[in-house]
PDB file of all heavy atoms in Angstrom:
ATOM      1  N   PRO A   1       2.830  16.841 -18.218  1.00  0.00           N
ATOM      2  CA  PRO A   1       2.737  15.385 -18.464  1.00  0.00           C
ATOM      3  C   PRO A   1       1.464  14.744 -17.957  1.00  0.00           C
ATOM      4  O   PRO A   1       0.874  15.195 -16.922  1.00  0.00           O
ATOM      5  CB  PRO A   1       3.997  14.806 -17.806  1.00  0.00           C
ATOM      6  CG  PRO A   1       4.274  15.821 -16.683  1.00  0.00           C
ATOM      7  CD  PRO A   1       3.845  17.183 -17.209  1.00  0.00           C
ATOM      8  N   HIS A   2       0.993  13.736 -18.634  1.00  0.00           N
ATOM      9  CA  HIS A   2      -0.135  12.976 -18.160  1.00  0.00           C
ATOM     10  C   HIS A   2       0.054  11.531 -18.680  1.00  0.00           C
ATOM     11  O   HIS A   2       0.854  11.244 -19.592  1.00  0.00           O
ATOM     12  CB  HIS A   2      -1.467  13.541 -18.623  1.00  0.00           C
ATOM     13  CG  HIS A   2      -1.747  13.293 -20.092  1.00  0.00           C
ATOM     14  ND1 HIS A   2      -1.114  13.996 -21.135  1.00  0.00           N
ATOM     15  CD2 HIS A   2      -2.625  12.432 -20.713  1.00  0.00           C
ATOM     16  CE1 HIS A   2      -1.598  13.580 -22.295  1.00  0.00           C
ATOM     17  NE2 HIS A   2      -2.480  12.618 -22.055  1.00  0.00           N
ATOM     18  N   ILE A   3      -0.682  10.600 -18.030  1.00  0.00           N
ATOM     19  CA  ILE A   3      -0.562   9.231 -18.456  1.00  0.00           C
ATOM     20  C   ILE A   3      -1.879   8.700 -18.976  1.00  0.00           C
ATOM     21  O   ILE A   3      -1.974   8.019 -20.015  1.00  0.00           O
ATOM     22  CB  ILE A   3      -0.099   8.328 -17.258  1.00  0.00           C
ATOM     23  CG1 ILE A   3       1.280   8.768 -16.761  1.00  0.00           C
ATOM     24  CG2 ILE A   3      -0.029   6.841 -17.623  1.00  0.00           C
ATOM     25  CD1 ILE A   3       1.719   8.031 -15.528  1.00  0.00           C
ATOM     26  N   GLY A   4      -2.979   8.966 -18.339  1.00  0.00           N
ATOM     27  CA  GLY A   4      -4.285   8.414 -18.691  1.00  0.00           C
ATOM     28  C   GLY A   4      -4.535   7.117 -17.956  1.00  0.00           C
ATOM     29  O   GLY A   4      -3.617   6.409 -17.557  1.00  0.00           O
ATOM     30  N   THR A   5      -5.807   6.755 -17.838  1.00  0.00           N
ATOM     31  CA  THR A   5      -6.228   5.694 -16.972  1.00  0.00           C
ATOM     32  C   THR A   5      -5.694   4.324 -17.360  1.00  0.00           C
ATOM     33  O   THR A   5      -5.146   3.595 -16.541  1.00  0.00           O
ATOM     34  CB  THR A   5      -7.801   5.654 -16.912  1.00  0.00           C
ATOM     35  OG1 THR A   5      -8.263   6.781 -16.261  1.00  0.00           O
ATOM     36  CG2 THR A   5      -8.277   4.374 -16.152  1.00  0.00           C
ATOM     37  N   PHE A   6      -5.774   3.896 -18.640  1.00  0.00           N
ATOM     38  CA  PHE A   6      -5.445   2.582 -19.015  1.00  0.00           C
ATOM     39  C   PHE A   6      -3.917   2.384 -18.750  1.00  0.00           C
ATOM     40  O   PHE A   6      -3.499   1.264 -18.320  1.00  0.00           O
ATOM     41  CB  PHE A   6      -5.753   2.338 -20.515  1.00  0.00           C
ATOM     42  CG  PHE A   6      -7.235   2.136 -20.762  1.00  0.00           C
ATOM     43  CD1 PHE A   6      -7.729   2.314 -22.055  1.00  0.00           C
ATOM     44  CD2 PHE A   6      -8.130   1.887 -19.760  1.00  0.00           C
ATOM     45  CE1 PHE A   6      -9.038   2.145 -22.315  1.00  0.00           C
ATOM     46  CE2 PHE A   6      -9.465   1.725 -19.996  1.00  0.00           C
ATOM     47  CZ  PHE A   6      -9.924   1.892 -21.300  1.00  0.00           C
ATOM     48  N   ARG A   7      -3.082   3.353 -19.019  1.00  0.00           N
ATOM     49  CA  ARG A   7      -1.628   3.157 -18.813  1.00  0.00           C
ATOM     50  C   ARG A   7      -1.342   3.128 -17.310  1.00  0.00           C
ATOM     51  O   ARG A   7      -0.423   2.492 -16.908  1.00  0.00           O
ATOM     52  CB  ARG A   7      -0.859   4.231 -19.521  1.00  0.00           C
ATOM     53  CG  ARG A   7      -0.894   4.163 -21.022  1.00  0.00           C
ATOM     54  CD  ARG A   7       0.154   5.034 -21.704  1.00  0.00           C
ATOM     55  NE  ARG A   7       0.126   4.834 -23.164  1.00  0.00           N
ATOM     56  CZ  ARG A   7       1.102   5.067 -23.970  1.00  0.00           C
ATOM     57  NH1 ARG A   7       2.325   5.522 -23.444  1.00  0.00           N
ATOM     58  NH2 ARG A   7       1.029   4.938 -25.277  1.00  0.00           N
ATOM     59  N   LEU A   8      -2.090   3.875 -16.577  1.00  0.00           N
ATOM     60  CA  LEU A   8      -1.847   3.932 -15.134  1.00  0.00           C
ATOM     61  C   LEU A   8      -2.083   2.482 -14.496  1.00  0.00           C
ATOM     62  O   LEU A   8      -1.386   2.076 -13.607  1.00  0.00           O
ATOM     63  CB  LEU A   8      -2.856   4.927 -14.460  1.00  0.00           C
ATOM     64  CG  LEU A   8      -2.353   6.345 -14.396  1.00  0.00           C
ATOM     65  CD1 LEU A   8      -3.594   7.243 -14.026  1.00  0.00           C
ATOM     66  CD2 LEU A   8      -1.273   6.511 -13.351  1.00  0.00           C
ATOM     67  N   VAL A   9      -3.071   1.776 -15.032  1.00  0.00           N
ATOM     68  CA  VAL A   9      -3.326   0.431 -14.485  1.00  0.00           C
ATOM     69  C   VAL A   9      -2.160  -0.429 -14.550  1.00  0.00           C
ATOM     70  O   VAL A   9      -1.666  -1.076 -13.576  1.00  0.00           O
ATOM     71  CB  VAL A   9      -4.546  -0.174 -15.255  1.00  0.00           C
ATOM     72  CG1 VAL A   9      -4.654  -1.670 -14.939  1.00  0.00           C
ATOM     73  CG2 VAL A   9      -5.805   0.551 -14.933  1.00  0.00           C
ATOM     74  N   LYS A  10      -1.498  -0.546 -15.741  1.00  0.00           N
ATOM     75  CA  LYS A  10      -0.332  -1.431 -15.894  1.00  0.00           C
ATOM     76  C   LYS A  10       0.844  -0.916 -15.126  1.00  0.00           C
ATOM     77  O   LYS A  10       1.604  -1.735 -14.503  1.00  0.00           O
ATOM     78  CB  LYS A  10       0.015  -1.482 -17.379  1.00  0.00           C
ATOM     79  CG  LYS A  10       1.209  -2.477 -17.710  1.00  0.00           C
ATOM     80  CD  LYS A  10       0.693  -3.868 -17.392  1.00  0.00           C
ATOM     81  CE  LYS A  10       1.830  -4.846 -17.837  1.00  0.00           C
ATOM     82  NZ  LYS A  10       1.474  -6.270 -17.497  1.00  0.00           N
ATOM     83  N   MET A  11       1.006   0.426 -15.052  1.00  0.00           N
ATOM     84  CA  MET A  11       2.086   1.019 -14.364  1.00  0.00           C
ATOM     85  C   MET A  11       2.034   0.685 -12.778  1.00  0.00           C
ATOM     86  O   MET A  11       3.042   0.329 -12.219  1.00  0.00           O
ATOM     87  CB  MET A  11       2.093   2.510 -14.494  1.00  0.00           C
ATOM     88  CG  MET A  11       3.305   3.242 -13.987  1.00  0.00           C
ATOM     89  SD  MET A  11       2.939   5.018 -13.963  1.00  0.00           S
ATOM     90  CE  MET A  11       1.839   5.134 -12.489  1.00  0.00           C
ATOM     91  N   VAL A  12       0.818   0.788 -12.280  1.00  0.00           N
ATOM     92  CA  VAL A  12       0.627   0.532 -10.828  1.00  0.00           C
ATOM     93  C   VAL A  12       0.943  -0.921 -10.487  1.00  0.00           C
ATOM     94  O   VAL A  12       1.547  -1.290  -9.538  1.00  0.00           O
ATOM     95  CB  VAL A  12      -0.790   0.868 -10.423  1.00  0.00           C
ATOM     96  CG1 VAL A  12      -1.184   0.236  -9.042  1.00  0.00           C
ATOM     97  CG2 VAL A  12      -1.013   2.357 -10.387  1.00  0.00           C
ATOM     98  N   GLU A  13       0.517  -1.836 -11.448  1.00  0.00           N
ATOM     99  CA  GLU A  13       0.744  -3.281 -11.213  1.00  0.00           C
ATOM    100  C   GLU A  13       2.291  -3.541 -11.178  1.00  0.00           C
ATOM    101  O   GLU A  13       2.740  -4.311 -10.323  1.00  0.00           O
ATOM    102  CB  GLU A  13       0.153  -4.087 -12.326  1.00  0.00           C
ATOM    103  CG  GLU A  13      -1.385  -4.199 -12.174  1.00  0.00           C
ATOM    104  CD  GLU A  13      -1.965  -5.005 -13.367  1.00  0.00           C
ATOM    105  OE1 GLU A  13      -1.455  -4.904 -14.456  1.00  0.00           O
ATOM    106  OE2 GLU A  13      -2.893  -5.735 -13.075  1.00  0.00           O
ATOM    107  N   ASN A  14       3.042  -2.867 -12.065  1.00  0.00           N
ATOM    108  CA  ASN A  14       4.486  -3.106 -12.137  1.00  0.00           C
ATOM    109  C   ASN A  14       5.177  -2.577 -10.886  1.00  0.00           C
ATOM    110  O   ASN A  14       6.108  -3.203 -10.374  1.00  0.00           O
ATOM    111  CB  ASN A  14       5.065  -2.392 -13.368  1.00  0.00           C
ATOM    112  CG  ASN A  14       4.712  -3.197 -14.648  1.00  0.00           C
ATOM    113  OD1 ASN A  14       4.399  -4.343 -14.604  1.00  0.00           O
ATOM    114  ND2 ASN A  14       4.725  -2.484 -15.739  1.00  0.00           N
ATOM    115  N   ILE A  15       4.733  -1.472 -10.352  1.00  0.00           N
ATOM    116  CA  ILE A  15       5.341  -0.963  -9.096  1.00  0.00           C
ATOM    117  C   ILE A  15       5.028  -1.837  -7.941  1.00  0.00           C
ATOM    118  O   ILE A  15       5.845  -2.129  -7.101  1.00  0.00           O
ATOM    119  CB  ILE A  15       4.839   0.501  -8.818  1.00  0.00           C
ATOM    120  CG1 ILE A  15       5.359   1.440  -9.915  1.00  0.00           C
ATOM    121  CG2 ILE A  15       5.344   0.952  -7.444  1.00  0.00           C
ATOM    122  CD1 ILE A  15       4.902   2.889  -9.736  1.00  0.00           C
ATOM    123  N   ARG A  16       3.803  -2.405  -7.882  1.00  0.00           N
ATOM    124  CA  ARG A  16       3.443  -3.352  -6.844  1.00  0.00           C
ATOM    125  C   ARG A  16       4.381  -4.553  -6.887  1.00  0.00           C
ATOM    126  O   ARG A  16       4.863  -4.986  -5.848  1.00  0.00           O
ATOM    127  CB  ARG A  16       1.941  -3.789  -7.029  1.00  0.00           C
ATOM    128  CG  ARG A  16       1.531  -4.805  -5.957  1.00  0.00           C
ATOM    129  CD  ARG A  16       0.721  -5.902  -6.520  1.00  0.00           C
ATOM    130  NE  ARG A  16      -0.379  -5.484  -7.361  1.00  0.00           N
ATOM    131  CZ  ARG A  16      -1.024  -6.311  -8.157  1.00  0.00           C
ATOM    132  NH1 ARG A  16      -0.742  -7.560  -8.285  1.00  0.00           N
ATOM    133  NH2 ARG A  16      -2.086  -5.876  -8.887  1.00  0.00           N
ATOM    134  N   ARG A  17       4.654  -5.073  -8.071  1.00  0.00           N
ATOM    135  CA  ARG A  17       5.530  -6.239  -8.219  1.00  0.00           C
ATOM    136  C   ARG A  17       6.935  -5.926  -7.754  1.00  0.00           C
ATOM    137  O   ARG A  17       7.627  -6.767  -7.117  1.00  0.00           O
ATOM    138  CB  ARG A  17       5.531  -6.734  -9.653  1.00  0.00           C
ATOM    139  CG  ARG A  17       4.218  -7.293 -10.136  1.00  0.00           C
ATOM    140  CD  ARG A  17       4.336  -7.900 -11.510  1.00  0.00           C
ATOM    141  NE  ARG A  17       3.032  -8.380 -11.959  1.00  0.00           N
ATOM    142  CZ  ARG A  17       2.308  -7.710 -12.876  1.00  0.00           C
ATOM    143  NH1 ARG A  17       2.750  -6.648 -13.399  1.00  0.00           N
ATOM    144  NH2 ARG A  17       1.114  -8.188 -13.218  1.00  0.00           N
ATOM    145  N   GLU A  18       7.476  -4.710  -7.996  1.00  0.00           N
ATOM    146  CA  GLU A  18       8.762  -4.327  -7.559  1.00  0.00           C
ATOM    147  C   GLU A  18       8.856  -4.316  -6.023  1.00  0.00           C
ATOM    148  O   GLU A  18       9.749  -4.754  -5.389  1.00  0.00           O
ATOM    149  CB  GLU A  18       9.226  -3.001  -8.120  1.00  0.00           C
ATOM    150  CG  GLU A  18      10.606  -2.612  -7.656  1.00  0.00           C
ATOM    151  CD  GLU A  18      11.189  -1.365  -8.260  1.00  0.00           C
ATOM    152  OE1 GLU A  18      10.613  -0.816  -9.197  1.00  0.00           O
ATOM    153  OE2 GLU A  18      12.224  -0.957  -7.807  1.00  0.00           O
ATOM    154  N   ILE A  19       7.768  -3.701  -5.391  1.00  0.00           N
ATOM    155  CA  ILE A  19       7.749  -3.633  -3.928  1.00  0.00           C
ATOM    156  C   ILE A  19       7.806  -5.023  -3.372  1.00  0.00           C
ATOM    157  O   ILE A  19       8.507  -5.287  -2.401  1.00  0.00           O
ATOM    158  CB  ILE A  19       6.463  -2.863  -3.454  1.00  0.00           C
ATOM    159  CG1 ILE A  19       6.596  -1.361  -3.873  1.00  0.00           C
ATOM    160  CG2 ILE A  19       6.331  -2.972  -1.946  1.00  0.00           C
ATOM    161  CD1 ILE A  19       5.310  -0.610  -3.603  1.00  0.00           C
ATOM    162  N   GLU A  20       7.011  -5.916  -3.949  1.00  0.00           N
ATOM    163  CA  GLU A  20       6.979  -7.268  -3.469  1.00  0.00           C
ATOM    164  C   GLU A  20       8.362  -7.992  -3.654  1.00  0.00           C
ATOM    165  O   GLU A  20       8.829  -8.723  -2.810  1.00  0.00           O
ATOM    166  CB  GLU A  20       5.828  -8.070  -4.148  1.00  0.00           C
ATOM    167  CG  GLU A  20       4.494  -7.594  -3.698  1.00  0.00           C
ATOM    168  CD  GLU A  20       3.342  -8.252  -4.549  1.00  0.00           C
ATOM    169  OE1 GLU A  20       3.578  -8.637  -5.700  1.00  0.00           O
ATOM    170  OE2 GLU A  20       2.253  -8.359  -4.027  1.00  0.00           O
ATOM    171  N   ALA A  21       8.957  -7.755  -4.805  1.00  0.00           N
ATOM    172  CA  ALA A  21      10.233  -8.363  -5.037  1.00  0.00           C
ATOM    173  C   ALA A  21      11.370  -7.901  -4.093  1.00  0.00           C
ATOM    174  O   ALA A  21      12.268  -8.615  -3.801  1.00  0.00           O
ATOM    175  CB  ALA A  21      10.706  -8.041  -6.493  1.00  0.00           C
ATOM    176  N   LEU A  22      11.114  -6.683  -3.568  1.00  0.00           N
ATOM    177  CA  LEU A  22      12.123  -6.141  -2.586  1.00  0.00           C
ATOM    178  C   LEU A  22      11.709  -6.482  -1.155  1.00  0.00           C
ATOM    179  O   LEU A  22      12.326  -5.990  -0.181  1.00  0.00           O
ATOM    180  CB  LEU A  22      12.147  -4.632  -2.683  1.00  0.00           C
ATOM    181  CG  LEU A  22      12.785  -4.103  -4.006  1.00  0.00           C
ATOM    182  CD1 LEU A  22      12.501  -2.614  -4.214  1.00  0.00           C
ATOM    183  CD2 LEU A  22      14.271  -4.398  -4.078  1.00  0.00           C
ATOM    184  N   GLY A  23      10.725  -7.324  -0.916  1.00  0.00           N
ATOM    185  CA  GLY A  23      10.404  -7.773   0.368  1.00  0.00           C
ATOM    186  C   GLY A  23       9.162  -7.092   1.027  1.00  0.00           C
ATOM    187  O   GLY A  23       8.817  -7.454   2.122  1.00  0.00           O
ATOM    188  N   GLY A  24       8.604  -6.173   0.303  1.00  0.00           N
ATOM    189  CA  GLY A  24       7.359  -5.541   0.782  1.00  0.00           C
ATOM    190  C   GLY A  24       6.183  -6.446   0.608  1.00  0.00           C
ATOM    191  O   GLY A  24       6.189  -7.508  -0.082  1.00  0.00           O
ATOM    192  N   GLU A  25       5.074  -6.153   1.278  1.00  0.00           N
ATOM    193  CA  GLU A  25       3.875  -6.936   1.290  1.00  0.00           C
ATOM    194  C   GLU A  25       2.712  -6.052   1.111  1.00  0.00           C
ATOM    195  O   GLU A  25       2.498  -5.085   1.826  1.00  0.00           O
ATOM    196  CB  GLU A  25       3.803  -7.729   2.576  1.00  0.00           C
ATOM    197  CG  GLU A  25       2.517  -8.604   2.770  1.00  0.00           C
ATOM    198  CD  GLU A  25       2.454  -9.234   4.070  1.00  0.00           C
ATOM    199  OE1 GLU A  25       3.416  -9.213   4.845  1.00  0.00           O
ATOM    200  OE2 GLU A  25       1.340  -9.780   4.410  1.00  0.00           O
ATOM    201  N   ILE A  26       1.907  -6.259   0.077  1.00  0.00           N
ATOM    202  CA  ILE A  26       0.630  -5.469  -0.136  1.00  0.00           C
ATOM    203  C   ILE A  26      -0.517  -6.449   0.063  1.00  0.00           C
ATOM    204  O   ILE A  26      -0.644  -7.496  -0.524  1.00  0.00           O
ATOM    205  CB  ILE A  26       0.598  -4.948  -1.516  1.00  0.00           C
ATOM    206  CG1 ILE A  26       1.836  -3.968  -1.817  1.00  0.00           C
ATOM    207  CG2 ILE A  26      -0.683  -4.209  -1.767  1.00  0.00           C
ATOM    208  CD1 ILE A  26       2.944  -4.617  -2.540  1.00  0.00           C
ATOM    209  N   ARG A  27      -1.400  -6.065   1.078  1.00  0.00           N
ATOM    210  CA  ARG A  27      -2.527  -6.821   1.367  1.00  0.00           C
ATOM    211  C   ARG A  27      -3.816  -6.067   1.008  1.00  0.00           C
ATOM    212  O   ARG A  27      -4.060  -4.954   1.514  1.00  0.00           O
ATOM    213  CB  ARG A  27      -2.501  -7.139   2.917  1.00  0.00           C
ATOM    214  CG  ARG A  27      -1.300  -7.940   3.317  1.00  0.00           C
ATOM    215  CD  ARG A  27      -1.176  -8.116   4.799  1.00  0.00           C
ATOM    216  NE  ARG A  27      -2.320  -8.735   5.382  1.00  0.00           N
ATOM    217  CZ  ARG A  27      -2.486  -9.061   6.688  1.00  0.00           C
ATOM    218  NH1 ARG A  27      -1.393  -8.756   7.473  1.00  0.00           N
ATOM    219  NH2 ARG A  27      -3.573  -9.582   7.196  1.00  0.00           N
ATOM    220  N   PHE A  28      -4.581  -6.623   0.144  1.00  0.00           N
ATOM    221  CA  PHE A  28      -5.764  -5.949  -0.360  1.00  0.00           C
ATOM    222  C   PHE A  28      -7.026  -6.415   0.474  1.00  0.00           C
ATOM    223  O   PHE A  28      -6.976  -7.426   1.175  1.00  0.00           O
ATOM    224  CB  PHE A  28      -6.046  -6.304  -1.855  1.00  0.00           C
ATOM    225  CG  PHE A  28      -4.926  -5.686  -2.702  1.00  0.00           C
ATOM    226  CD1 PHE A  28      -3.890  -6.472  -3.143  1.00  0.00           C
ATOM    227  CD2 PHE A  28      -4.967  -4.379  -3.062  1.00  0.00           C
ATOM    228  CE1 PHE A  28      -2.876  -5.925  -3.962  1.00  0.00           C
ATOM    229  CE2 PHE A  28      -3.971  -3.788  -3.864  1.00  0.00           C
ATOM    230  CZ  PHE A  28      -2.914  -4.599  -4.308  1.00  0.00           C
ATOM    231  N   GLN A  29      -8.052  -5.559   0.340  1.00  0.00           N
ATOM    232  CA  GLN A  29      -9.329  -5.802   1.075  1.00  0.00           C
ATOM    233  C   GLN A  29      -9.021  -5.940   2.583  1.00  0.00           C
ATOM    234  O   GLN A  29      -9.571  -6.768   3.236  1.00  0.00           O
ATOM    235  CB  GLN A  29     -10.062  -7.014   0.539  1.00  0.00           C
ATOM    236  CG  GLN A  29     -10.465  -6.801  -0.918  1.00  0.00           C
ATOM    237  CD  GLN A  29     -11.229  -7.956  -1.473  1.00  0.00           C
ATOM    238  OE1 GLN A  29     -10.601  -8.906  -2.106  1.00  0.00           O
ATOM    239  NE2 GLN A  29     -12.583  -8.072  -1.223  1.00  0.00           N
ATOM    240  N   GLN A  30      -8.183  -5.050   3.026  1.00  0.00           N
ATOM    241  CA  GLN A  30      -7.786  -5.016   4.471  1.00  0.00           C
ATOM    242  C   GLN A  30      -8.036  -3.599   5.001  1.00  0.00           C
ATOM    243  O   GLN A  30      -7.161  -2.710   4.876  1.00  0.00           O
ATOM    244  CB  GLN A  30      -6.315  -5.417   4.667  1.00  0.00           C
ATOM    245  CG  GLN A  30      -5.960  -6.736   4.188  1.00  0.00           C
ATOM    246  CD  GLN A  30      -6.524  -7.899   5.055  1.00  0.00           C
ATOM    247  OE1 GLN A  30      -6.555  -7.782   6.212  1.00  0.00           O
ATOM    248  NE2 GLN A  30      -6.978  -8.966   4.443  1.00  0.00           N
ATOM    249  N   GLN A  31      -9.146  -3.364   5.627  1.00  0.00           N
ATOM    250  CA  GLN A  31      -9.504  -2.041   6.164  1.00  0.00           C
ATOM    251  C   GLN A  31      -8.979  -1.916   7.660  1.00  0.00           C
ATOM    252  O   GLN A  31      -9.225  -2.832   8.391  1.00  0.00           O
ATOM    253  CB  GLN A  31     -10.941  -1.785   6.098  1.00  0.00           C
ATOM    254  CG  GLN A  31     -11.321  -0.339   6.584  1.00  0.00           C
ATOM    255  CD  GLN A  31     -12.751  -0.062   6.504  1.00  0.00           C
ATOM    256  OE1 GLN A  31     -13.532  -0.889   5.950  1.00  0.00           O
ATOM    257  NE2 GLN A  31     -13.204   1.097   6.936  1.00  0.00           N
ATOM    258  N   VAL A  32      -8.355  -0.836   7.914  1.00  0.00           N
ATOM    259  CA  VAL A  32      -7.956  -0.550   9.263  1.00  0.00           C
ATOM    260  C   VAL A  32      -9.100   0.009  10.056  1.00  0.00           C
ATOM    261  O   VAL A  32      -9.713   1.046   9.676  1.00  0.00           O
ATOM    262  CB  VAL A  32      -6.752   0.461   9.353  1.00  0.00           C
ATOM    263  CG1 VAL A  32      -6.441   0.892  10.810  1.00  0.00           C
ATOM    264  CG2 VAL A  32      -5.574  -0.165   8.702  1.00  0.00           C
ATOM    265  N   ALA A  33      -9.537  -0.737  11.112  1.00  0.00           N
ATOM    266  CA  ALA A  33     -10.672  -0.364  11.940  1.00  0.00           C
ATOM    267  C   ALA A  33     -10.328   0.401  13.207  1.00  0.00           C
ATOM    268  O   ALA A  33     -11.227   0.940  13.794  1.00  0.00           O
ATOM    269  CB  ALA A  33     -11.486  -1.637  12.214  1.00  0.00           C
ATOM    270  N   ASP A  34      -9.051   0.288  13.675  1.00  0.00           N
ATOM    271  CA  ASP A  34      -8.660   0.914  14.925  1.00  0.00           C
ATOM    272  C   ASP A  34      -7.127   1.108  14.964  1.00  0.00           C
ATOM    273  O   ASP A  34      -6.431   0.366  14.216  1.00  0.00           O
ATOM    274  CB  ASP A  34      -9.121   0.023  16.088  1.00  0.00           C
ATOM    275  CG  ASP A  34      -9.184   0.813  17.432  1.00  0.00           C
ATOM    276  OD1 ASP A  34      -8.938   2.046  17.401  1.00  0.00           O
ATOM    277  OD2 ASP A  34      -9.516   0.219  18.452  1.00  0.00           O
ATOM    278  N   VAL A  35      -6.674   2.006  15.790  1.00  0.00           N
ATOM    279  CA  VAL A  35      -5.296   2.190  15.960  1.00  0.00           C
ATOM    280  C   VAL A  35      -5.009   1.977  17.451  1.00  0.00           C
ATOM    281  O   VAL A  35      -5.790   2.310  18.317  1.00  0.00           O
ATOM    282  CB  VAL A  35      -4.748   3.505  15.492  1.00  0.00           C
ATOM    283  CG1 VAL A  35      -4.770   3.665  13.999  1.00  0.00           C
ATOM    284  CG2 VAL A  35      -5.599   4.686  16.143  1.00  0.00           C
ATOM    285  N   LEU A  36      -3.872   1.348  17.717  1.00  0.00           N
ATOM    286  CA  LEU A  36      -3.453   1.079  19.115  1.00  0.00           C
ATOM    287  C   LEU A  36      -2.489   2.160  19.606  1.00  0.00           C
ATOM    288  O   LEU A  36      -1.416   2.326  18.967  1.00  0.00           O
ATOM    289  CB  LEU A  36      -2.759  -0.300  19.237  1.00  0.00           C
ATOM    290  CG  LEU A  36      -3.634  -1.526  18.738  1.00  0.00           C
ATOM    291  CD1 LEU A  36      -2.772  -2.791  18.713  1.00  0.00           C
ATOM    292  CD2 LEU A  36      -4.915  -1.656  19.505  1.00  0.00           C
ATOM    293  N   ILE A  37      -2.887   2.900  20.646  1.00  0.00           N
ATOM    294  CA  ILE A  37      -2.076   4.009  21.141  1.00  0.00           C
ATOM    295  C   ILE A  37      -1.875   3.788  22.620  1.00  0.00           C
ATOM    296  O   ILE A  37      -2.806   3.589  23.382  1.00  0.00           O
ATOM    297  CB  ILE A  37      -2.763   5.359  20.922  1.00  0.00           C
ATOM    298  CG1 ILE A  37      -3.117   5.569  19.414  1.00  0.00           C
ATOM    299  CG2 ILE A  37      -1.921   6.526  21.373  1.00  0.00           C
ATOM    300  CD1 ILE A  37      -3.976   6.714  19.033  1.00  0.00           C
ATOM    301  N   GLU A  38      -0.652   3.924  23.039  1.00  0.00           N
ATOM    302  CA  GLU A  38      -0.321   3.778  24.437  1.00  0.00           C
ATOM    303  C   GLU A  38       0.581   4.947  24.868  1.00  0.00           C
ATOM    304  O   GLU A  38       1.664   5.125  24.313  1.00  0.00           O
ATOM    305  CB  GLU A  38       0.536   2.484  24.677  1.00  0.00           C
ATOM    306  CG  GLU A  38      -0.227   1.146  24.358  1.00  0.00           C
ATOM    307  CD  GLU A  38       0.656  -0.058  24.502  1.00  0.00           C
ATOM    308  OE1 GLU A  38       1.823   0.131  24.978  1.00  0.00           O
ATOM    309  OE2 GLU A  38       0.199  -1.165  24.190  1.00  0.00           O
ATOM    310  N   ASP A  39       0.003   5.794  25.719  1.00  0.00           N
ATOM    311  CA  ASP A  39       0.724   6.996  26.256  1.00  0.00           C
ATOM    312  C   ASP A  39       1.206   7.865  25.126  1.00  0.00           C
ATOM    313  O   ASP A  39       2.365   8.342  25.166  1.00  0.00           O
ATOM    314  CB  ASP A  39       1.788   6.582  27.207  1.00  0.00           C
ATOM    315  CG  ASP A  39       1.362   5.811  28.418  1.00  0.00           C
ATOM    316  OD1 ASP A  39       0.288   6.179  28.922  1.00  0.00           O
ATOM    317  OD2 ASP A  39       2.068   4.847  28.848  1.00  0.00           O
ATOM    318  N   GLY A  40       0.374   8.064  24.162  1.00  0.00           N
ATOM    319  CA  GLY A  40       0.768   8.985  23.041  1.00  0.00           C
ATOM    320  C   GLY A  40       1.706   8.364  22.028  1.00  0.00           C
ATOM    321  O   GLY A  40       2.104   9.059  21.087  1.00  0.00           O
ATOM    322  N   GLN A  41       1.971   7.065  22.131  1.00  0.00           N
ATOM    323  CA  GLN A  41       2.783   6.348  21.168  1.00  0.00           C
ATOM    324  C   GLN A  41       2.007   5.370  20.386  1.00  0.00           C
ATOM    325  O   GLN A  41       1.304   4.492  21.013  1.00  0.00           O
ATOM    326  CB  GLN A  41       4.005   5.695  21.814  1.00  0.00           C
ATOM    327  CG  GLN A  41       4.774   4.731  20.992  1.00  0.00           C
ATOM    328  CD  GLN A  41       5.507   5.429  19.798  1.00  0.00           C
ATOM    329  OE1 GLN A  41       6.272   6.413  20.052  1.00  0.00           O
ATOM    330  NE2 GLN A  41       5.358   4.898  18.612  1.00  0.00           N
ATOM    331  N   LEU A  42       2.085   5.325  19.084  1.00  0.00           N
ATOM    332  CA  LEU A  42       1.379   4.281  18.269  1.00  0.00           C
ATOM    333  C   LEU A  42       2.093   2.960  18.528  1.00  0.00           C
ATOM    334  O   LEU A  42       3.281   2.799  18.480  1.00  0.00           O
ATOM    335  CB  LEU A  42       1.426   4.690  16.817  1.00  0.00           C
ATOM    336  CG  LEU A  42       0.636   3.741  15.909  1.00  0.00           C
ATOM    337  CD1 LEU A  42      -0.776   4.151  15.852  1.00  0.00           C
ATOM    338  CD2 LEU A  42       1.237   3.687  14.488  1.00  0.00           C
ATOM    339  N   ARG A  43       1.255   1.905  18.667  1.00  0.00           N
ATOM    340  CA  ARG A  43       1.824   0.570  18.898  1.00  0.00           C
ATOM    341  C   ARG A  43       1.218  -0.412  17.918  1.00  0.00           C
ATOM    342  O   ARG A  43       1.605  -1.607  17.907  1.00  0.00           O
ATOM    343  CB  ARG A  43       1.431   0.097  20.304  1.00  0.00           C
ATOM    344  CG  ARG A  43       2.105   0.909  21.393  1.00  0.00           C
ATOM    345  CD  ARG A  43       3.644   0.899  21.233  1.00  0.00           C
ATOM    346  NE  ARG A  43       4.278   1.587  22.284  1.00  0.00           N
ATOM    347  CZ  ARG A  43       5.567   1.966  22.370  1.00  0.00           C
ATOM    348  NH1 ARG A  43       6.361   1.644  21.327  1.00  0.00           N
ATOM    349  NH2 ARG A  43       6.085   2.582  23.357  1.00  0.00           N
ATOM    350  N   GLY A  44       0.346   0.036  16.948  1.00  0.00           N
ATOM    351  CA  GLY A  44      -0.119  -0.930  15.974  1.00  0.00           C
ATOM    352  C   GLY A  44      -1.481  -0.517  15.403  1.00  0.00           C
ATOM    353  O   GLY A  44      -2.070   0.493  15.780  1.00  0.00           O
ATOM    354  N   VAL A  45      -1.959  -1.411  14.572  1.00  0.00           N
ATOM    355  CA  VAL A  45      -3.332  -1.207  13.955  1.00  0.00           C
ATOM    356  C   VAL A  45      -4.170  -2.420  14.149  1.00  0.00           C
ATOM    357  O   VAL A  45      -3.630  -3.580  14.294  1.00  0.00           O
ATOM    358  CB  VAL A  45      -3.225  -0.798  12.429  1.00  0.00           C
ATOM    359  CG1 VAL A  45      -2.492   0.510  12.304  1.00  0.00           C
ATOM    360  CG2 VAL A  45      -2.559  -1.903  11.688  1.00  0.00           C
TER     361      VAL A  45
END
């Protein structure tokens, strides 16, 4: 199976909308510059 680029664009948008409708949050143009680690445990970004 394959989809091709143009169909992938619309498909990705629809999945994003479903995640958001379920309470998820997608933030674009947000690069992670560091990770917060305390005693070997991740505490944030």
